[in-house]
Amino acid sequence: MHLAYPAVLAVLLFSVGVYGVLARRNVVLVLMSVELMLNAVNLNLVAFDVWLRDTLHAGQALTLFTITVAAAEIGLGLAIVLLVYRTRRTAAVDEVTALGDRHEADDLADAAKEQAAA
């Protein structure tokens, strides 16, 4: 097997992931894009491990470690997204600017904007 095939596939996966992180506004889609990027790295690790014929299989061991870290990252990320959605009623990246509680001044400003729009 040539090294170029998995390397090109990994570059394509990583590029789609970067596009998703930069262009998407939904937090869940951004998390999915980060997972695509991590999977591209895992594909490179395994491909280079096979290509180098490493007797210790360090690339595959590191891949297992990154899969574990990715699983923990997605679990914490989804928990934070659910918490933010419960308090803010939105999962858009642009609308969530701070992780603190909303103040009454923010609520009054939102009410003034709604009255001005009506």
PDB file of N, CA and C in Angstrom:
ATOM      1  N   MET A   1       0.854  -1.186   0.000  1.00  0.00           N
ATOM      2  CA  MET A   1       0.000   0.000   0.000  1.00  0.00           C
ATOM      3  C   MET A   1       0.895   1.243   0.000  1.00  0.00           C
ATOM      4  N   HIS A   2       0.542   2.172  -0.858  1.00  0.00           N
ATOM      5  CA  HIS A   2       1.283   3.420  -0.916  1.00  0.00           C
ATOM      6  C   HIS A   2       0.873   4.323   0.231  1.00  0.00           C
ATOM      7  N   LEU A   3       1.790   5.114   0.682  1.00  0.00           N
ATOM      8  CA  LEU A   3       1.506   6.039   1.775  1.00  0.00           C
ATOM      9  C   LEU A   3       0.658   7.222   1.309  1.00  0.00           C
ATOM     10  N   ALA A   4       0.650   7.478   0.005  1.00  0.00           N
ATOM     11  CA  ALA A   4      -0.051   8.652  -0.516  1.00  0.00           C
ATOM     12  C   ALA A   4      -1.557   8.551  -0.340  1.00  0.00           C
ATOM     13  N   TYR A   5      -2.131   7.362  -0.467  1.00  0.00           N
ATOM     14  CA  TYR A   5      -3.585   7.232  -0.395  1.00  0.00           C
ATOM     15  C   TYR A   5      -4.145   7.630   0.972  1.00  0.00           C
ATOM     16  N   PRO A   6      -3.659   7.041   2.066  1.00  0.00           N
ATOM     17  CA  PRO A   6      -4.189   7.485   3.361  1.00  0.00           C
ATOM     18  C   PRO A   6      -3.797   8.922   3.697  1.00  0.00           C
ATOM     19  N   ALA A   7      -2.648   9.377   3.205  1.00  0.00           N
ATOM     20  CA  ALA A   7      -2.234  10.757   3.489  1.00  0.00           C
ATOM     21  C   ALA A   7      -3.155  11.751   2.795  1.00  0.00           C
ATOM     22  N   VAL A   8      -3.528  11.472   1.555  1.00  0.00           N
ATOM     23  CA  VAL A   8      -4.452  12.362   0.833  1.00  0.00           C
ATOM     24  C   VAL A   8      -5.827  12.334   1.487  1.00  0.00           C
ATOM     25  N   LEU A   9      -6.278  11.144   1.877  1.00  0.00           N
ATOM     26  CA  LEU A   9      -7.572  11.051   2.560  1.00  0.00           C
ATOM     27  C   LEU A   9      -7.546  11.811   3.886  1.00  0.00           C
ATOM     28  N   ALA A  10      -6.447  11.722   4.604  1.00  0.00           N
ATOM     29  CA  ALA A  10      -6.323  12.446   5.870  1.00  0.00           C
ATOM     30  C   ALA A  10      -6.313  13.950   5.641  1.00  0.00           C
ATOM     31  N   VAL A  11      -5.647  14.400   4.590  1.00  0.00           N
ATOM     32  CA  VAL A  11      -5.641  15.838   4.276  1.00  0.00           C
ATOM     33  C   VAL A  11      -7.050  16.307   3.939  1.00  0.00           C
ATOM     34  N   LEU A  12      -7.789  15.503   3.164  1.00  0.00           N
ATOM     35  CA  LEU A  12      -9.166  15.878   2.830  1.00  0.00           C
ATOM     36  C   LEU A  12     -10.049  15.928   4.077  1.00  0.00           C
ATOM     37  N   LEU A  13      -9.924  14.923   4.941  1.00  0.00           N
ATOM     38  CA  LEU A  13     -10.700  14.916   6.184  1.00  0.00           C
ATOM     39  C   LEU A  13     -10.357  16.115   7.058  1.00  0.00           C
ATOM     40  N   PHE A  14      -9.079  16.397   7.179  1.00  0.00           N
ATOM     41  CA  PHE A  14      -8.657  17.520   8.014  1.00  0.00           C
ATOM     42  C   PHE A  14      -9.146  18.842   7.426  1.00  0.00           C
ATOM     43  N   SER A  15      -9.116  18.964   6.094  1.00  0.00           N
ATOM     44  CA  SER A  15      -9.586  20.196   5.454  1.00  0.00           C
ATOM     45  C   SER A  15     -11.085  20.400   5.660  1.00  0.00           C
ATOM     46  N   VAL A  16     -11.854  19.325   5.551  1.00  0.00           N
ATOM     47  CA  VAL A  16     -13.292  19.427   5.805  1.00  0.00           C
ATOM     48  C   VAL A  16     -13.536  19.817   7.262  1.00  0.00           C
ATOM     49  N   GLY A  17     -12.741  19.263   8.178  1.00  0.00           N
ATOM     50  CA  GLY A  17     -12.874  19.613   9.589  1.00  0.00           C
ATOM     51  C   GLY A  17     -12.546  21.070   9.860  1.00  0.00           C
ATOM     52  N   VAL A  18     -11.490  21.578   9.247  1.00  0.00           N
ATOM     53  CA  VAL A  18     -11.133  22.992   9.433  1.00  0.00           C
ATOM     54  C   VAL A  18     -12.219  23.892   8.864  1.00  0.00           C
ATOM     55  N   TYR A  19     -12.744  23.537   7.698  1.00  0.00           N
ATOM     56  CA  TYR A  19     -13.841  24.314   7.123  1.00  0.00           C
ATOM     57  C   TYR A  19     -15.048  24.317   8.054  1.00  0.00           C
ATOM     58  N   GLY A  20     -15.356  23.160   8.633  1.00  0.00           N
ATOM     59  CA  GLY A  20     -16.490  23.071   9.541  1.00  0.00           C
ATOM     60  C   GLY A  20     -16.308  23.918  10.792  1.00  0.00           C
ATOM     61  N   VAL A  21     -15.092  23.951  11.317  1.00  0.00           N
ATOM     62  CA  VAL A  21     -14.832  24.762  12.516  1.00  0.00           C
ATOM     63  C   VAL A  21     -14.950  26.247  12.192  1.00  0.00           C
ATOM     64  N   LEU A  22     -14.452  26.647  11.032  1.00  0.00           N
ATOM     65  CA  LEU A  22     -14.439  28.068  10.684  1.00  0.00           C
ATOM     66  C   LEU A  22     -15.773  28.569  10.151  1.00  0.00           C
ATOM     67  N   ALA A  23     -16.544  27.727   9.488  1.00  0.00           N
ATOM     68  CA  ALA A  23     -17.743  28.205   8.799  1.00  0.00           C
ATOM     69  C   ALA A  23     -19.043  27.925   9.543  1.00  0.00           C
ATOM     70  N   ARG A  24     -19.071  26.957  10.399  1.00  0.00           N
ATOM     71  CA  ARG A  24     -20.339  26.576  11.048  1.00  0.00           C
ATOM     72  C   ARG A  24     -20.646  27.475  12.230  1.00  0.00           C
ATOM     73  N   ARG A  25     -21.930  27.625  12.488  1.00  0.00           N
ATOM     74  CA  ARG A  25     -22.373  28.436  13.618  1.00  0.00           C
ATOM     75  C   ARG A  25     -22.980  27.594  14.731  1.00  0.00           C
ATOM     76  N   ASN A  26     -23.315  26.365  14.448  1.00  0.00           N
ATOM     77  CA  ASN A  26     -23.895  25.482  15.452  1.00  0.00           C
ATOM     78  C   ASN A  26     -22.766  24.778  16.205  1.00  0.00           C
ATOM     79  N   VAL A  27     -22.871  24.748  17.513  1.00  0.00           N
ATOM     80  CA  VAL A  27     -21.803  24.203  18.348  1.00  0.00           C
ATOM     81  C   VAL A  27     -21.641  22.702  18.125  1.00  0.00           C
ATOM     82  N   VAL A  28     -22.725  21.991  17.920  1.00  0.00           N
ATOM     83  CA  VAL A  28     -22.645  20.547  17.718  1.00  0.00           C
ATOM     84  C   VAL A  28     -21.900  20.244  16.416  1.00  0.00           C
ATOM     85  N   LEU A  29     -22.155  21.018  15.379  1.00  0.00           N
ATOM     86  CA  LEU A  29     -21.442  20.817  14.118  1.00  0.00           C
ATOM     87  C   LEU A  29     -19.960  21.169  14.249  1.00  0.00           C
ATOM     88  N   VAL A  30     -19.648  22.144  15.073  1.00  0.00           N
ATOM     89  CA  VAL A  30     -18.243  22.482  15.320  1.00  0.00           C
ATOM     90  C   VAL A  30     -17.551  21.326  16.039  1.00  0.00           C
ATOM     91  N   LEU A  31     -18.226  20.719  17.009  1.00  0.00           N
ATOM     92  CA  LEU A  31     -17.651  19.562  17.704  1.00  0.00           C
ATOM     93  C   LEU A  31     -17.449  18.384  16.753  1.00  0.00           C
ATOM     94  N   MET A  32     -18.395  18.180  15.841  1.00  0.00           N
ATOM     95  CA  MET A  32     -18.245  17.118  14.851  1.00  0.00           C
ATOM     96  C   MET A  32     -17.062  17.396  13.929  1.00  0.00           C
ATOM     97  N   SER A  33     -16.840  18.645  13.603  1.00  0.00           N
ATOM     98  CA  SER A  33     -15.710  19.009  12.751  1.00  0.00           C
ATOM     99  C   SER A  33     -14.384  18.769  13.465  1.00  0.00           C
ATOM    100  N   VAL A  34     -14.354  19.057  14.757  1.00  0.00           N
ATOM    101  CA  VAL A  34     -13.137  18.768  15.535  1.00  0.00           C
ATOM    102  C   VAL A  34     -12.872  17.267  15.557  1.00  0.00           C
ATOM    103  N   GLU A  35     -13.927  16.467  15.648  1.00  0.00           N
ATOM    104  CA  GLU A  35     -13.765  15.017  15.612  1.00  0.00           C
ATOM    105  C   GLU A  35     -13.228  14.564  14.258  1.00  0.00           C
ATOM    106  N   LEU A  36     -13.673  15.185  13.179  1.00  0.00           N
ATOM    107  CA  LEU A  36     -13.126  14.860  11.855  1.00  0.00           C
ATOM    108  C   LEU A  36     -11.636  15.148  11.796  1.00  0.00           C
ATOM    109  N   MET A  37     -11.226  16.263  12.372  1.00  0.00           N
ATOM    110  CA  MET A  37      -9.811  16.612  12.378  1.00  0.00           C
ATOM    111  C   MET A  37      -8.998  15.594  13.184  1.00  0.00           C
ATOM    112  N   LEU A  38      -9.532  15.180  14.325  1.00  0.00           N
ATOM    113  CA  LEU A  38      -8.821  14.175  15.134  1.00  0.00           C
ATOM    114  C   LEU A  38      -8.750  12.829  14.415  1.00  0.00           C
ATOM    115  N   ASN A  39      -9.799  12.476  13.691  1.00  0.00           N
ATOM    116  CA  ASN A  39      -9.765  11.226  12.931  1.00  0.00           C
ATOM    117  C   ASN A  39      -8.760  11.281  11.788  1.00  0.00           C
ATOM    118  N   ALA A  40      -8.577  12.451  11.201  1.00  0.00           N
ATOM    119  CA  ALA A  40      -7.554  12.598  10.167  1.00  0.00           C
ATOM    120  C   ALA A  40      -6.155  12.390  10.761  1.00  0.00           C
ATOM    121  N   VAL A  41      -5.946  12.911  11.947  1.00  0.00           N
ATOM    122  CA  VAL A  41      -4.658  12.701  12.626  1.00  0.00           C
ATOM    123  C   VAL A  41      -4.470  11.222  12.954  1.00  0.00           C
ATOM    124  N   ASN A  42      -5.525  10.567  13.415  1.00  0.00           N
ATOM    125  CA  ASN A  42      -5.431   9.136  13.725  1.00  0.00           C
ATOM    126  C   ASN A  42      -5.106   8.320  12.475  1.00  0.00           C
ATOM    127  N   LEU A  43      -5.715   8.678  11.358  1.00  0.00           N
ATOM    128  CA  LEU A  43      -5.431   7.979  10.108  1.00  0.00           C
ATOM    129  C   LEU A  43      -3.966   8.141   9.712  1.00  0.00           C
ATOM    130  N   ASN A  44      -3.426   9.332   9.872  1.00  0.00           N
ATOM    131  CA  ASN A  44      -2.002   9.552   9.587  1.00  0.00           C
ATOM    132  C   ASN A  44      -1.113   8.743  10.523  1.00  0.00           C
ATOM    133  N   LEU A  45      -1.459   8.702  11.795  1.00  0.00           N
ATOM    134  CA  LEU A  45      -0.649   7.946  12.758  1.00  0.00           C
ATOM    135  C   LEU A  45      -0.585   6.467  12.391  1.00  0.00           C
ATOM    136  N   VAL A  46      -1.729   5.890  12.063  1.00  0.00           N
ATOM    137  CA  VAL A  46      -1.752   4.466  11.719  1.00  0.00           C
ATOM    138  C   VAL A  46      -1.055   4.222  10.386  1.00  0.00           C
ATOM    139  N   ALA A  47      -1.262   5.100   9.412  1.00  0.00           N
ATOM    140  CA  ALA A  47      -0.635   4.917   8.101  1.00  0.00           C
ATOM    141  C   ALA A  47       0.884   4.986   8.197  1.00  0.00           C
ATOM    142  N   PHE A  48       1.388   5.941   8.944  1.00  0.00           N
ATOM    143  CA  PHE A  48       2.839   6.041   9.084  1.00  0.00           C
ATOM    144  C   PHE A  48       3.401   4.912   9.941  1.00  0.00           C
ATOM    145  N   ASP A  49       2.622   4.412  10.877  1.00  0.00           N
ATOM    146  CA  ASP A  49       3.068   3.274  11.667  1.00  0.00           C
ATOM    147  C   ASP A  49       3.219   2.035  10.790  1.00  0.00           C
ATOM    148  N   VAL A  50       2.255   1.825   9.892  1.00  0.00           N
ATOM    149  CA  VAL A  50       2.345   0.685   8.975  1.00  0.00           C
ATOM    150  C   VAL A  50       3.471   0.899   7.970  1.00  0.00           C
ATOM    151  N   TRP A  51       3.622   2.108   7.485  1.00  0.00           N
ATOM    152  CA  TRP A  51       4.654   2.388   6.477  1.00  0.00           C
ATOM    153  C   TRP A  51       6.064   2.213   7.033  1.00  0.00           C
ATOM    154  N   LEU A  52       6.272   2.639   8.288  1.00  0.00           N
ATOM    155  CA  LEU A  52       7.588   2.521   8.911  1.00  0.00           C
ATOM    156  C   LEU A  52       7.864   1.133   9.472  1.00  0.00           C
ATOM    157  N   ARG A  53       6.836   0.290   9.534  1.00  0.00           N
ATOM    158  CA  ARG A  53       6.934  -1.067  10.076  1.00  0.00           C
ATOM    159  C   ARG A  53       7.537  -1.054  11.478  1.00  0.00           C
ATOM    160  N   ASP A  54       6.953  -0.234  12.321  1.00  0.00           N
ATOM    161  CA  ASP A  54       7.428  -0.097  13.702  1.00  0.00           C
ATOM    162  C   ASP A  54       7.078  -1.358  14.483  1.00  0.00           C
ATOM    163  N   THR A  55       8.060  -1.931  15.172  1.00  0.00           N
ATOM    164  CA  THR A  55       7.811  -3.156  15.928  1.00  0.00           C
ATOM    165  C   THR A  55       7.026  -2.894  17.211  1.00  0.00           C
ATOM    166  N   LEU A  56       7.130  -1.698  17.730  1.00  0.00           N
ATOM    167  CA  LEU A  56       6.391  -1.361  18.946  1.00  0.00           C
ATOM    168  C   LEU A  56       4.979  -0.876  18.659  1.00  0.00           C
ATOM    169  N   HIS A  57       4.676  -0.578  17.417  1.00  0.00           N
ATOM    170  CA  HIS A  57       3.374  -0.044  17.009  1.00  0.00           C
ATOM    171  C   HIS A  57       3.016   1.197  17.812  1.00  0.00           C
ATOM    172  N   ALA A  58       3.948   2.119  17.878  1.00  0.00           N
ATOM    173  CA  ALA A  58       3.746   3.345  18.650  1.00  0.00           C
ATOM    174  C   ALA A  58       2.653   4.213  18.049  1.00  0.00           C
ATOM    175  N   GLY A  59       2.529   4.225  16.735  1.00  0.00           N
ATOM    176  CA  GLY A  59       1.483   5.020  16.091  1.00  0.00           C
ATOM    177  C   GLY A  59       0.096   4.525  16.448  1.00  0.00           C
ATOM    178  N   GLN A  60      -0.059   3.205  16.497  1.00  0.00           N
ATOM    179  CA  GLN A  60      -1.361   2.646  16.853  1.00  0.00           C
ATOM    180  C   GLN A  60      -1.677   2.867  18.329  1.00  0.00           C
ATOM    181  N   ALA A  61      -0.652   2.788  19.177  1.00  0.00           N
ATOM    182  CA  ALA A  61      -0.866   3.060  20.604  1.00  0.00           C
ATOM    183  C   ALA A  61      -1.260   4.516  20.825  1.00  0.00           C
ATOM    184  N   LEU A  62      -0.600   5.410  20.119  1.00  0.00           N
ATOM    185  CA  LEU A  62      -0.940   6.828  20.229  1.00  0.00           C
ATOM    186  C   LEU A  62      -2.332   7.101  19.667  1.00  0.00           C
ATOM    187  N   THR A  63      -2.721   6.360  18.652  1.00  0.00           N
ATOM    188  CA  THR A  63      -4.068   6.488  18.105  1.00  0.00           C
ATOM    189  C   THR A  63      -5.116   6.092  19.140  1.00  0.00           C
ATOM    190  N   LEU A  64      -4.877   5.020  19.858  1.00  0.00           N
ATOM    191  CA  LEU A  64      -5.816   4.630  20.922  1.00  0.00           C
ATOM    192  C   LEU A  64      -5.914   5.708  21.992  1.00  0.00           C
ATOM    193  N   PHE A  65      -4.789   6.323  22.316  1.00  0.00           N
ATOM    194  CA  PHE A  65      -4.794   7.406  23.289  1.00  0.00           C
ATOM    195  C   PHE A  65      -5.601   8.595  22.773  1.00  0.00           C
ATOM    196  N   THR A  66      -5.428   8.950  21.506  1.00  0.00           N
ATOM    197  CA  THR A  66      -6.168  10.097  20.968  1.00  0.00           C
ATOM    198  C   THR A  66      -7.648   9.790  20.855  1.00  0.00           C
ATOM    199  N   ILE A  67      -8.016   8.550  20.572  1.00  0.00           N
ATOM    200  CA  ILE A  67      -9.440   8.190  20.542  1.00  0.00           C
ATOM    201  C   ILE A  67     -10.039   8.353  21.928  1.00  0.00           C
ATOM    202  N   THR A  68      -9.298   7.966  22.963  1.00  0.00           N
ATOM    203  CA  THR A  68      -9.782   8.132  24.338  1.00  0.00           C
ATOM    204  C   THR A  68      -9.946   9.604  24.693  1.00  0.00           C
ATOM    205  N   VAL A  69      -8.968  10.408  24.327  1.00  0.00           N
ATOM    206  CA  VAL A  69      -9.058  11.847  24.591  1.00  0.00           C
ATOM    207  C   VAL A  69     -10.214  12.465  23.813  1.00  0.00           C
ATOM    208  N   ALA A  70     -10.421  12.029  22.577  1.00  0.00           N
ATOM    209  CA  ALA A  70     -11.521  12.556  21.764  1.00  0.00           C
ATOM    210  C   ALA A  70     -12.869  12.187  22.365  1.00  0.00           C
ATOM    211  N   ALA A  71     -12.983  10.979  22.908  1.00  0.00           N
ATOM    212  CA  ALA A  71     -14.242  10.576  23.535  1.00  0.00           C
ATOM    213  C   ALA A  71     -14.524  11.422  24.775  1.00  0.00           C
ATOM    214  N   ALA A  72     -13.501  11.679  25.566  1.00  0.00           N
ATOM    215  CA  ALA A  72     -13.691  12.543  26.740  1.00  0.00           C
ATOM    216  C   ALA A  72     -14.017  13.964  26.319  1.00  0.00           C
ATOM    217  N   GLU A  73     -13.382  14.435  25.265  1.00  0.00           N
ATOM    218  CA  GLU A  73     -13.624  15.806  24.781  1.00  0.00           C
ATOM    219  C   GLU A  73     -15.048  15.964  24.284  1.00  0.00           C
ATOM    220  N   ILE A  74     -15.553  14.983  23.559  1.00  0.00           N
ATOM    221  CA  ILE A  74     -16.904  15.103  23.030  1.00  0.00           C
ATOM    222  C   ILE A  74     -17.932  14.972  24.151  1.00  0.00           C
ATOM    223  N   GLY A  75     -17.637  14.169  25.159  1.00  0.00           N
ATOM    224  CA  GLY A  75     -18.550  14.059  26.297  1.00  0.00           C
ATOM    225  C   GLY A  75     -18.653  15.363  27.069  1.00  0.00           C
ATOM    226  N   LEU A  76     -17.516  15.961  27.377  1.00  0.00           N
ATOM    227  CA  LEU A  76     -17.536  17.255  28.076  1.00  0.00           C
ATOM    228  C   LEU A  76     -18.113  18.356  27.201  1.00  0.00           C
ATOM    229  N   GLY A  77     -17.775  18.337  25.919  1.00  0.00           N
ATOM    230  CA  GLY A  77     -18.294  19.361  25.012  1.00  0.00           C
ATOM    231  C   GLY A  77     -19.809  19.313  24.902  1.00  0.00           C
ATOM    232  N   LEU A  78     -20.364  18.116  24.765  1.00  0.00           N
ATOM    233  CA  LEU A  78     -21.822  18.005  24.682  1.00  0.00           C
ATOM    234  C   LEU A  78     -22.497  18.375  25.991  1.00  0.00           C
ATOM    235  N   ALA A  79     -21.860  18.074  27.120  1.00  0.00           N
ATOM    236  CA  ALA A  79     -22.431  18.479  28.408  1.00  0.00           C
ATOM    237  C   ALA A  79     -22.471  20.000  28.516  1.00  0.00           C
ATOM    238  N   ILE A  80     -21.416  20.665  28.078  1.00  0.00           N
ATOM    239  CA  ILE A  80     -21.393  22.133  28.110  1.00  0.00           C
ATOM    240  C   ILE A  80     -22.424  22.705  27.149  1.00  0.00           C
ATOM    241  N   VAL A  81     -22.549  22.098  25.964  1.00  0.00           N
ATOM    242  CA  VAL A  81     -23.541  22.573  24.989  1.00  0.00           C
ATOM    243  C   VAL A  81     -24.949  22.440  25.551  1.00  0.00           C
ATOM    244  N   LEU A  82     -25.253  21.318  26.188  1.00  0.00           N
ATOM    245  CA  LEU A  82     -26.587  21.140  26.776  1.00  0.00           C
ATOM    246  C   LEU A  82     -26.849  22.147  27.884  1.00  0.00           C
ATOM    247  N   LEU A  83     -25.856  22.425  28.698  1.00  0.00           N
ATOM    248  CA  LEU A  83     -26.017  23.399  29.772  1.00  0.00           C
ATOM    249  C   LEU A  83     -26.249  24.794  29.214  1.00  0.00           C
ATOM    250  N   VAL A  84     -25.479  25.165  28.194  1.00  0.00           N
ATOM    251  CA  VAL A  84     -25.652  26.480  27.579  1.00  0.00           C
ATOM    252  C   VAL A  84     -27.004  26.568  26.891  1.00  0.00           C
ATOM    253  N   TYR A  85     -27.434  25.484  26.245  1.00  0.00           N
ATOM    254  CA  TYR A  85     -28.734  25.509  25.567  1.00  0.00           C
ATOM    255  C   TYR A  85     -29.881  25.638  26.559  1.00  0.00           C
ATOM    256  N   ARG A  86     -29.748  25.010  27.711  1.00  0.00           N
ATOM    257  CA  ARG A  86     -30.809  25.137  28.723  1.00  0.00           C
ATOM    258  C   ARG A  86     -30.944  26.554  29.247  1.00  0.00           C
ATOM    259  N   THR A  87     -29.821  27.246  29.391  1.00  0.00           N
ATOM    260  CA  THR A  87     -29.891  28.599  29.949  1.00  0.00           C
ATOM    261  C   THR A  87     -30.149  29.656  28.885  1.00  0.00           C
ATOM    262  N   ARG A  88     -29.584  29.500  27.692  1.00  0.00           N
ATOM    263  CA  ARG A  88     -29.684  30.541  26.657  1.00  0.00           C
ATOM    264  C   ARG A  88     -30.700  30.239  25.574  1.00  0.00           C
ATOM    265  N   ARG A  89     -31.164  29.002  25.467  1.00  0.00           N
ATOM    266  CA  ARG A  89     -32.088  28.570  24.423  1.00  0.00           C
ATOM    267  C   ARG A  89     -31.518  28.738  23.018  1.00  0.00           C
ATOM    268  N   THR A  90     -30.213  28.614  22.882  1.00  0.00           N
ATOM    269  CA  THR A  90     -29.576  28.664  21.578  1.00  0.00           C
ATOM    270  C   THR A  90     -28.300  27.843  21.608  1.00  0.00           C
ATOM    271  N   ALA A  91     -27.955  27.305  20.433  1.00  0.00           N
ATOM    272  CA  ALA A  91     -26.706  26.562  20.305  1.00  0.00           C
ATOM    273  C   ALA A  91     -25.818  27.210  19.249  1.00  0.00           C
ATOM    274  N   ALA A  92     -26.097  28.463  18.923  1.00  0.00           N
ATOM    275  CA  ALA A  92     -25.304  29.181  17.924  1.00  0.00           C
ATOM    276  C   ALA A  92     -24.051  29.743  18.578  1.00  0.00           C
ATOM    277  N   VAL A  93     -22.933  29.613  17.895  1.00  0.00           N
ATOM    278  CA  VAL A  93     -21.657  30.064  18.439  1.00  0.00           C
ATOM    279  C   VAL A  93     -21.618  31.588  18.546  1.00  0.00           C
ATOM    280  N   ASP A  94     -22.200  32.276  17.578  1.00  0.00           N
ATOM    281  CA  ASP A  94     -22.143  33.738  17.561  1.00  0.00           C
ATOM    282  C   ASP A  94     -22.956  34.376  18.681  1.00  0.00           C
ATOM    283  N   GLU A  95     -24.034  33.734  19.096  1.00  0.00           N
ATOM    284  CA  GLU A  95     -24.900  34.326  20.109  1.00  0.00           C
ATOM    285  C   GLU A  95     -24.426  34.069  21.529  1.00  0.00           C
ATOM    286  N   VAL A  96     -23.596  33.070  21.715  1.00  0.00           N
ATOM    287  CA  VAL A  96     -23.077  32.757  23.043  1.00  0.00           C
ATOM    288  C   VAL A  96     -21.704  33.398  23.153  1.00  0.00           C
ATOM    289  N   THR A  97     -21.632  34.536  23.844  1.00  0.00           N
ATOM    290  CA  THR A  97     -20.365  35.252  23.939  1.00  0.00           C
ATOM    291  C   THR A  97     -19.717  35.102  25.303  1.00  0.00           C
ATOM    292  N   ALA A  98     -20.500  34.832  26.333  1.00  0.00           N
ATOM    293  CA  ALA A  98     -19.951  34.679  27.679  1.00  0.00           C
ATOM    294  C   ALA A  98     -20.602  33.478  28.343  1.00  0.00           C
ATOM    295  N   LEU A  99     -19.875  32.841  29.242  1.00  0.00           N
ATOM    296  CA  LEU A  99     -20.417  31.675  29.919  1.00  0.00           C
ATOM    297  C   LEU A  99     -21.108  32.026  31.234  1.00  0.00           C
ATOM    298  N   GLY A 100     -21.081  33.298  31.617  1.00  0.00           N
ATOM    299  CA  GLY A 100     -21.722  33.706  32.858  1.00  0.00           C
ATOM    300  C   GLY A 100     -23.227  33.798  32.713  1.00  0.00           C
ATOM    301  N   ASP A 101     -23.912  34.008  33.844  1.00  0.00           N
ATOM    302  CA  ASP A 101     -25.359  34.160  33.812  1.00  0.00           C
ATOM    303  C   ASP A 101     -25.732  35.476  33.153  1.00  0.00           C
ATOM    304  N   ARG A 102     -26.916  35.489  32.611  1.00  0.00           N
ATOM    305  CA  ARG A 102     -27.415  36.713  32.001  1.00  0.00           C
ATOM    306  C   ARG A 102     -27.894  37.649  33.112  1.00  0.00           C
ATOM    307  N   HIS A 103     -27.664  38.926  32.925  1.00  0.00           N
ATOM    308  CA  HIS A 103     -28.067  39.914  33.913  1.00  0.00           C
ATOM    309  C   HIS A 103     -29.403  40.526  33.513  1.00  0.00           C
ATOM    310  N   GLU A 104     -30.006  41.229  34.447  1.00  0.00           N
ATOM    311  CA  GLU A 104     -31.276  41.878  34.151  1.00  0.00           C
ATOM    312  C   GLU A 104     -31.112  42.952  33.090  1.00  0.00           C
ATOM    313  N   ALA A 105     -29.951  43.576  33.038  1.00  0.00           N
ATOM    314  CA  ALA A 105     -29.709  44.598  32.022  1.00  0.00           C
ATOM    315  C   ALA A 105     -29.764  43.986  30.627  1.00  0.00           C
ATOM    316  N   ASP A 106     -29.247  42.761  30.473  1.00  0.00           N
ATOM    317  CA  ASP A 106     -29.329  42.084  29.181  1.00  0.00           C
ATOM    318  C   ASP A 106     -30.772  41.789  28.809  1.00  0.00           C
ATOM    319  N   ASP A 107     -31.574  41.363  29.809  1.00  0.00           N
ATOM    320  CA  ASP A 107     -32.982  41.087  29.548  1.00  0.00           C
ATOM    321  C   ASP A 107     -33.723  42.359  29.158  1.00  0.00           C
ATOM    322  N   LEU A 108     -33.416  43.479  29.826  1.00  0.00           N
ATOM    323  CA  LEU A 108     -34.055  44.748  29.480  1.00  0.00           C
ATOM    324  C   LEU A 108     -33.650  45.211  28.083  1.00  0.00           C
ATOM    325  N   ALA A 109     -32.394  44.995  27.736  1.00  0.00           N
ATOM    326  CA  ALA A 109     -31.934  45.371  26.396  1.00  0.00           C
ATOM    327  C   ALA A 109     -32.619  44.522  25.337  1.00  0.00           C
ATOM    328  N   ASP A 110     -32.799  43.230  25.622  1.00  0.00           N
ATOM    329  CA  ASP A 110     -33.505  42.365  24.676  1.00  0.00           C
ATOM    330  C   ASP A 110     -34.956  42.787  24.528  1.00  0.00           C
ATOM    331  N   ALA A 111     -35.591  43.154  25.624  1.00  0.00           N
ATOM    332  CA  ALA A 111     -36.977  43.598  25.558  1.00  0.00           C
ATOM    333  C   ALA A 111     -37.094  44.907  24.771  1.00  0.00           C
ATOM    334  N   ALA A 112     -36.131  45.806  24.933  1.00  0.00           N
ATOM    335  CA  ALA A 112     -36.152  47.075  24.185  1.00  0.00           C
ATOM    336  C   ALA A 112     -35.966  46.802  22.691  1.00  0.00           C
ATOM    337  N   LYS A 113     -35.116  45.847  22.348  1.00  0.00           N
ATOM    338  CA  LYS A 113     -34.932  45.517  20.938  1.00  0.00           C
ATOM    339  C   LYS A 113     -36.198  44.927  20.327  1.00  0.00           C
ATOM    340  N   GLU A 114     -36.889  44.086  21.103  1.00  0.00           N
ATOM    341  CA  GLU A 114     -38.127  43.496  20.597  1.00  0.00           C
ATOM    342  C   GLU A 114     -39.206  44.558  20.407  1.00  0.00           C
ATOM    343  N   GLN A 115     -39.278  45.534  21.315  1.00  0.00           N
ATOM    344  CA  GLN A 115     -40.265  46.611  21.180  1.00  0.00           C
ATOM    345  C   GLN A 115     -39.930  47.509  19.996  1.00  0.00           C
ATOM    346  N   ALA A 116     -38.653  47.740  19.765  1.00  0.00           N
ATOM    347  CA  ALA A 116     -38.258  48.582  18.631  1.00  0.00           C
ATOM    348  C   ALA A 116     -38.543  47.888  17.310  1.00  0.00           C
ATOM    349  N   ALA A 117     -38.416  46.556  17.306  1.00  0.00           N
ATOM    350  CA  ALA A 117     -38.676  45.812  16.078  1.00  0.00           C
ATOM    351  C   ALA A 117     -40.162  45.728  15.776  1.00  0.00           C
ATOM    352  N   ALA A 118     -41.000  45.819  16.807  1.00  0.00           N
ATOM    353  CA  ALA A 118     -42.456  45.690  16.592  1.00  0.00           C
ATOM    354  C   ALA A 118     -43.100  46.971  16.183  1.00  0.00           C
TER     355      ALA A 118
END
